């Protein structure tokens, strides 16, 4: 039998399920080959592409610019990610925030990882302005039904993200 440390090194990109909360001894690893998006995220969002830290989605309600970043992991909570993956996802969050502020002129960006209704780890990055549909309340549970994005609007946003955030296409 091969010692556990050797197994971990030999399958670095594979997902390892952990039966206890992750911490100093537990690790969540990812494998893009087996990544599956939760059905609720599929229903609520437009796929935009891939960032270094995970899959980038756009919420269907165009009343606010609402990105959802989904790391490819089995970890349920942001702070359970391995340090390198956490750093990567946070760098993507920072890039998206800069994009929303500098290119889309949002004065405020909300960032959160809640996950009480959708168990798959996902991060919300939302451009906010005092003129938006539910300001100053959080968008979660307060955003009224709004307009849908058109295909040209999604494509324009995707192209801007390719230029400013190094978004990559996903098959």
C-alpha atoms as a PDB file:
ATOM      1  CA  UNK A   1       0.000   0.000   0.000  1.00  0.00           C
ATOM      2  CA  UNK A   2       1.291   3.460  -0.924  1.00  0.00           C
ATOM      3  CA  UNK A   3       1.539   5.987   1.932  1.00  0.00           C
ATOM      4  CA  UNK A   4      -1.113   8.723   1.896  1.00  0.00           C
ATOM      5  CA  UNK A   5       1.409  11.526   1.317  1.00  0.00           C
ATOM      6  CA  UNK A   6       2.600   9.915  -1.900  1.00  0.00           C
ATOM      7  CA  UNK A   7      -0.974   9.405  -3.083  1.00  0.00           C
ATOM      8  CA  UNK A   8      -1.780  13.083  -2.469  1.00  0.00           C
ATOM      9  CA  UNK A   9       1.216  14.184  -4.509  1.00  0.00           C
ATOM     10  CA  UNK A  10       0.480  11.806  -7.352  1.00  0.00           C
ATOM     11  CA  UNK A  11      -3.126  12.986  -7.813  1.00  0.00           C
ATOM     12  CA  UNK A  12      -2.767  16.685  -7.077  1.00  0.00           C
ATOM     13  CA  UNK A  13      -5.555  17.766  -9.467  1.00  0.00           C
ATOM     14  CA  UNK A  14      -8.087  15.139  -8.363  1.00  0.00           C
ATOM     15  CA  UNK A  15     -11.026  15.843  -6.069  1.00  0.00           C
ATOM     16  CA  UNK A  16     -10.655  14.201  -2.696  1.00  0.00           C
ATOM     17  CA  UNK A  17     -13.782  13.984  -0.589  1.00  0.00           C
ATOM     18  CA  UNK A  18     -13.270  14.742   3.069  1.00  0.00           C
ATOM     19  CA  UNK A  19     -15.743  13.525   5.664  1.00  0.00           C
ATOM     20  CA  UNK A  20     -14.869  16.197   8.208  1.00  0.00           C
ATOM     21  CA  UNK A  21     -14.562  19.980   8.010  1.00  0.00           C
ATOM     22  CA  UNK A  22     -11.480  21.030   6.117  1.00  0.00           C
ATOM     23  CA  UNK A  23      -8.681  22.670   8.023  1.00  0.00           C
ATOM     24  CA  UNK A  24      -4.942  22.281   8.460  1.00  0.00           C
ATOM     25  CA  UNK A  25      -5.114  18.551   7.812  1.00  0.00           C
ATOM     26  CA  UNK A  26      -7.936  18.342   5.253  1.00  0.00           C
ATOM     27  CA  UNK A  27      -7.660  19.513   1.680  1.00  0.00           C
ATOM     28  CA  UNK A  28     -10.160  20.003  -1.113  1.00  0.00           C
ATOM     29  CA  UNK A  29      -8.704  19.597  -4.551  1.00  0.00           C
ATOM     30  CA  UNK A  30     -10.314  20.012  -7.889  1.00  0.00           C
ATOM     31  CA  UNK A  31     -10.414  18.314 -11.253  1.00  0.00           C
ATOM     32  CA  UNK A  32     -11.878  20.355 -14.109  1.00  0.00           C
ATOM     33  CA  UNK A  33     -12.697  17.131 -15.961  1.00  0.00           C
ATOM     34  CA  UNK A  34     -15.438  16.250 -13.461  1.00  0.00           C
ATOM     35  CA  UNK A  35     -16.765  19.745 -12.779  1.00  0.00           C
ATOM     36  CA  UNK A  36     -20.558  19.946 -12.771  1.00  0.00           C
ATOM     37  CA  UNK A  37     -22.496  23.134 -12.205  1.00  0.00           C
ATOM     38  CA  UNK A  38     -25.371  22.945  -9.716  1.00  0.00           C
ATOM     39  CA  UNK A  39     -28.779  22.907 -11.525  1.00  0.00           C
ATOM     40  CA  UNK A  40     -29.962  26.070  -9.748  1.00  0.00           C
ATOM     41  CA  UNK A  41     -26.911  27.990 -10.953  1.00  0.00           C
ATOM     42  CA  UNK A  42     -27.538  26.669 -14.462  1.00  0.00           C
ATOM     43  CA  UNK A  43     -31.141  27.853 -14.306  1.00  0.00           C
ATOM     44  CA  UNK A  44     -30.364  31.298 -12.857  1.00  0.00           C
ATOM     45  CA  UNK A  45     -27.300  32.230 -14.898  1.00  0.00           C
ATOM     46  CA  UNK A  46     -25.699  32.682 -18.296  1.00  0.00           C
ATOM     47  CA  UNK A  47     -22.297  30.981 -18.629  1.00  0.00           C
ATOM     48  CA  UNK A  48     -19.592  33.495 -19.539  1.00  0.00           C
ATOM     49  CA  UNK A  49     -16.368  31.492 -19.433  1.00  0.00           C
ATOM     50  CA  UNK A  50     -13.469  30.419 -17.245  1.00  0.00           C
ATOM     51  CA  UNK A  51     -11.223  32.512 -15.027  1.00  0.00           C
ATOM     52  CA  UNK A  52      -8.140  31.154 -13.288  1.00  0.00           C
ATOM     53  CA  UNK A  53     -10.066  30.444 -10.097  1.00  0.00           C
ATOM     54  CA  UNK A  54     -13.294  29.078 -11.517  1.00  0.00           C
ATOM     55  CA  UNK A  55     -16.275  29.258 -13.846  1.00  0.00           C
ATOM     56  CA  UNK A  56     -17.788  32.720 -14.356  1.00  0.00           C
ATOM     57  CA  UNK A  57     -21.555  33.133 -14.677  1.00  0.00           C
ATOM     58  CA  UNK A  58     -23.843  36.130 -15.152  1.00  0.00           C
ATOM     59  CA  UNK A  59     -27.142  36.269 -13.264  1.00  0.00           C
ATOM     60  CA  UNK A  60     -30.061  36.366 -15.720  1.00  0.00           C
ATOM     61  CA  UNK A  61     -31.692  39.386 -14.049  1.00  0.00           C
ATOM     62  CA  UNK A  62     -30.152  42.405 -15.788  1.00  0.00           C
ATOM     63  CA  UNK A  63     -31.475  44.853 -13.180  1.00  0.00           C
ATOM     64  CA  UNK A  64     -27.963  44.700 -11.657  1.00  0.00           C
ATOM     65  CA  UNK A  65     -24.645  43.406 -12.992  1.00  0.00           C
ATOM     66  CA  UNK A  66     -24.304  40.246 -10.917  1.00  0.00           C
ATOM     67  CA  UNK A  67     -21.438  37.828 -11.519  1.00  0.00           C
ATOM     68  CA  UNK A  68     -21.227  34.417  -9.897  1.00  0.00           C
ATOM     69  CA  UNK A  69     -17.804  32.788  -9.700  1.00  0.00           C
ATOM     70  CA  UNK A  70     -17.829  29.037  -9.098  1.00  0.00           C
ATOM     71  CA  UNK A  71     -14.546  27.424  -8.019  1.00  0.00           C
ATOM     72  CA  UNK A  72     -14.005  23.886  -9.253  1.00  0.00           C
ATOM     73  CA  UNK A  73     -13.932  22.170  -5.880  1.00  0.00           C
ATOM     74  CA  UNK A  74     -15.921  19.964  -3.548  1.00  0.00           C
ATOM     75  CA  UNK A  75     -15.281  22.352  -0.656  1.00  0.00           C
ATOM     76  CA  UNK A  76     -18.532  23.847   0.630  1.00  0.00           C
ATOM     77  CA  UNK A  77     -17.029  26.988   2.137  1.00  0.00           C
ATOM     78  CA  UNK A  78     -14.622  29.574   0.757  1.00  0.00           C
ATOM     79  CA  UNK A  79     -12.245  29.393   3.693  1.00  0.00           C
ATOM     80  CA  UNK A  80     -11.909  25.611   3.292  1.00  0.00           C
ATOM     81  CA  UNK A  81     -10.113  25.989  -0.051  1.00  0.00           C
ATOM     82  CA  UNK A  82      -6.414  25.183  -0.241  1.00  0.00           C
ATOM     83  CA  UNK A  83      -4.361  28.367   0.024  1.00  0.00           C
ATOM     84  CA  UNK A  84      -3.317  28.474  -3.639  1.00  0.00           C
ATOM     85  CA  UNK A  85      -6.894  28.016  -4.854  1.00  0.00           C
ATOM     86  CA  UNK A  86      -8.205  30.570  -2.347  1.00  0.00           C
ATOM     87  CA  UNK A  87      -5.611  33.087  -3.544  1.00  0.00           C
ATOM     88  CA  UNK A  88      -6.580  32.413  -7.152  1.00  0.00           C
ATOM     89  CA  UNK A  89     -10.313  32.868  -6.560  1.00  0.00           C
ATOM     90  CA  UNK A  90      -9.703  36.046  -4.540  1.00  0.00           C
ATOM     91  CA  UNK A  91      -7.514  37.451  -7.337  1.00  0.00           C
ATOM     92  CA  UNK A  92     -10.375  36.784  -9.770  1.00  0.00           C
ATOM     93  CA  UNK A  93     -12.797  38.503  -7.392  1.00  0.00           C
ATOM     94  CA  UNK A  94     -10.488  41.503  -7.175  1.00  0.00           C
ATOM     95  CA  UNK A  95     -10.183  41.650 -10.996  1.00  0.00           C
ATOM     96  CA  UNK A  96     -13.969  41.490 -11.393  1.00  0.00           C
ATOM     97  CA  UNK A  97     -14.415  44.207  -8.783  1.00  0.00           C
ATOM     98  CA  UNK A  98     -11.902  46.432 -10.595  1.00  0.00           C
ATOM     99  CA  UNK A  99     -13.703  45.738 -13.879  1.00  0.00           C
ATOM    100  CA  UNK A 100     -17.070  46.726 -12.380  1.00  0.00           C
ATOM    101  CA  UNK A 101     -15.666  49.908 -10.838  1.00  0.00           C
ATOM    102  CA  UNK A 102     -13.304  51.039 -13.599  1.00  0.00           C
ATOM    103  CA  UNK A 103     -15.003  49.850 -16.791  1.00  0.00           C
ATOM    104  CA  UNK A 104     -18.674  49.815 -15.773  1.00  0.00           C
ATOM    105  CA  UNK A 105     -18.562  52.781 -13.341  1.00  0.00           C
ATOM    106  CA  UNK A 106     -20.125  51.096 -10.317  1.00  0.00           C
ATOM    107  CA  UNK A 107     -19.255  53.009  -7.115  1.00  0.00           C
ATOM    108  CA  UNK A 108     -19.789  49.924  -4.915  1.00  0.00           C
ATOM    109  CA  UNK A 109     -19.234  46.184  -5.337  1.00  0.00           C
ATOM    110  CA  UNK A 110     -20.862  43.608  -3.068  1.00  0.00           C
ATOM    111  CA  UNK A 111     -18.923  40.373  -2.586  1.00  0.00           C
ATOM    112  CA  UNK A 112     -20.262  37.338  -0.777  1.00  0.00           C
ATOM    113  CA  UNK A 113     -20.156  33.592  -0.412  1.00  0.00           C
ATOM    114  CA  UNK A 114     -23.362  32.509   1.296  1.00  0.00           C
ATOM    115  CA  UNK A 115     -24.388  29.117  -0.097  1.00  0.00           C
ATOM    116  CA  UNK A 116     -27.343  28.332   2.125  1.00  0.00           C
ATOM    117  CA  UNK A 117     -29.732  27.543  -0.746  1.00  0.00           C
ATOM    118  CA  UNK A 118     -27.221  26.276  -3.341  1.00  0.00           C
ATOM    119  CA  UNK A 119     -24.703  23.984  -1.638  1.00  0.00           C
ATOM    120  CA  UNK A 120     -22.039  24.299  -4.371  1.00  0.00           C
ATOM    121  CA  UNK A 121     -19.436  26.889  -3.393  1.00  0.00           C
ATOM    122  CA  UNK A 122     -20.006  30.061  -5.402  1.00  0.00           C
ATOM    123  CA  UNK A 123     -19.114  33.714  -4.943  1.00  0.00           C
ATOM    124  CA  UNK A 124     -21.339  36.669  -5.739  1.00  0.00           C
ATOM    125  CA  UNK A 125     -19.706  39.797  -7.176  1.00  0.00           C
ATOM    126  CA  UNK A 126     -22.364  42.454  -7.734  1.00  0.00           C
ATOM    127  CA  UNK A 127     -21.988  45.963  -9.113  1.00  0.00           C
ATOM    128  CA  UNK A 128     -24.118  48.353  -7.055  1.00  0.00           C
ATOM    129  CA  UNK A 129     -25.264  51.928  -7.356  1.00  0.00           C
ATOM    130  CA  UNK A 130     -27.725  54.003  -5.313  1.00  0.00           C
ATOM    131  CA  UNK A 131     -29.979  53.992  -8.394  1.00  0.00           C
ATOM    132  CA  UNK A 132     -30.269  50.184  -8.638  1.00  0.00           C
ATOM    133  CA  UNK A 133     -33.517  48.302  -8.074  1.00  0.00           C
ATOM    134  CA  UNK A 134     -33.020  47.350  -4.424  1.00  0.00           C
ATOM    135  CA  UNK A 135     -30.435  49.800  -3.043  1.00  0.00           C
ATOM    136  CA  UNK A 136     -29.379  49.878  -0.211  1.00  0.00           C
ATOM    137  CA  UNK A 137     -30.712  46.398   0.554  1.00  0.00           C
ATOM    138  CA  UNK A 138     -28.674  43.338  -0.477  1.00  0.00           C
ATOM    139  CA  UNK A 139     -29.679  41.805  -3.813  1.00  0.00           C
ATOM    140  CA  UNK A 140     -30.335  38.415  -2.184  1.00  0.00           C
ATOM    141  CA  UNK A 141     -34.083  38.172  -1.683  1.00  0.00           C
ATOM    142  CA  UNK A 142     -34.673  41.853  -2.494  1.00  0.00           C
ATOM    143  CA  UNK A 143     -34.089  42.180  -6.227  1.00  0.00           C
ATOM    144  CA  UNK A 144     -37.371  42.496  -8.119  1.00  0.00           C
ATOM    145  CA  UNK A 145     -37.869  40.669 -11.393  1.00  0.00           C
ATOM    146  CA  UNK A 146     -35.993  42.697 -13.953  1.00  0.00           C
ATOM    147  CA  UNK A 147     -35.148  42.689 -17.615  1.00  0.00           C
ATOM    148  CA  UNK A 148     -33.263  39.808 -19.196  1.00  0.00           C
ATOM    149  CA  UNK A 149     -29.955  40.238 -20.970  1.00  0.00           C
ATOM    150  CA  UNK A 150     -30.029  40.078 -24.751  1.00  0.00           C
ATOM    151  CA  UNK A 151     -27.500  37.885 -26.571  1.00  0.00           C
ATOM    152  CA  UNK A 152     -25.640  40.961 -27.907  1.00  0.00           C
ATOM    153  CA  UNK A 153     -25.392  42.371 -24.347  1.00  0.00           C
ATOM    154  CA  UNK A 154     -23.983  39.073 -23.061  1.00  0.00           C
ATOM    155  CA  UNK A 155     -21.491  38.893 -25.930  1.00  0.00           C
ATOM    156  CA  UNK A 156     -20.352  42.492 -25.333  1.00  0.00           C
ATOM    157  CA  UNK A 157     -19.856  41.802 -21.636  1.00  0.00           C
ATOM    158  CA  UNK A 158     -18.007  38.552 -22.423  1.00  0.00           C
ATOM    159  CA  UNK A 159     -15.650  40.381 -24.807  1.00  0.00           C
ATOM    160  CA  UNK A 160     -14.960  43.079 -22.206  1.00  0.00           C
ATOM    161  CA  UNK A 161     -14.139  40.380 -19.650  1.00  0.00           C
ATOM    162  CA  UNK A 162     -11.822  38.647 -22.113  1.00  0.00           C
ATOM    163  CA  UNK A 163      -9.956  41.940 -22.517  1.00  0.00           C
ATOM    164  CA  UNK A 164      -9.926  43.092 -18.879  1.00  0.00           C
ATOM    165  CA  UNK A 165     -10.030  39.892 -16.794  1.00  0.00           C
ATOM    166  CA  UNK A 166      -8.466  37.262 -19.098  1.00  0.00           C
ATOM    167  CA  UNK A 167     -11.744  35.337 -19.369  1.00  0.00           C
ATOM    168  CA  UNK A 168     -11.340  32.116 -21.357  1.00  0.00           C
ATOM    169  CA  UNK A 169     -14.077  30.360 -23.356  1.00  0.00           C
ATOM    170  CA  UNK A 170     -15.553  27.119 -22.025  1.00  0.00           C
ATOM    171  CA  UNK A 171     -16.776  24.324 -24.283  1.00  0.00           C
END
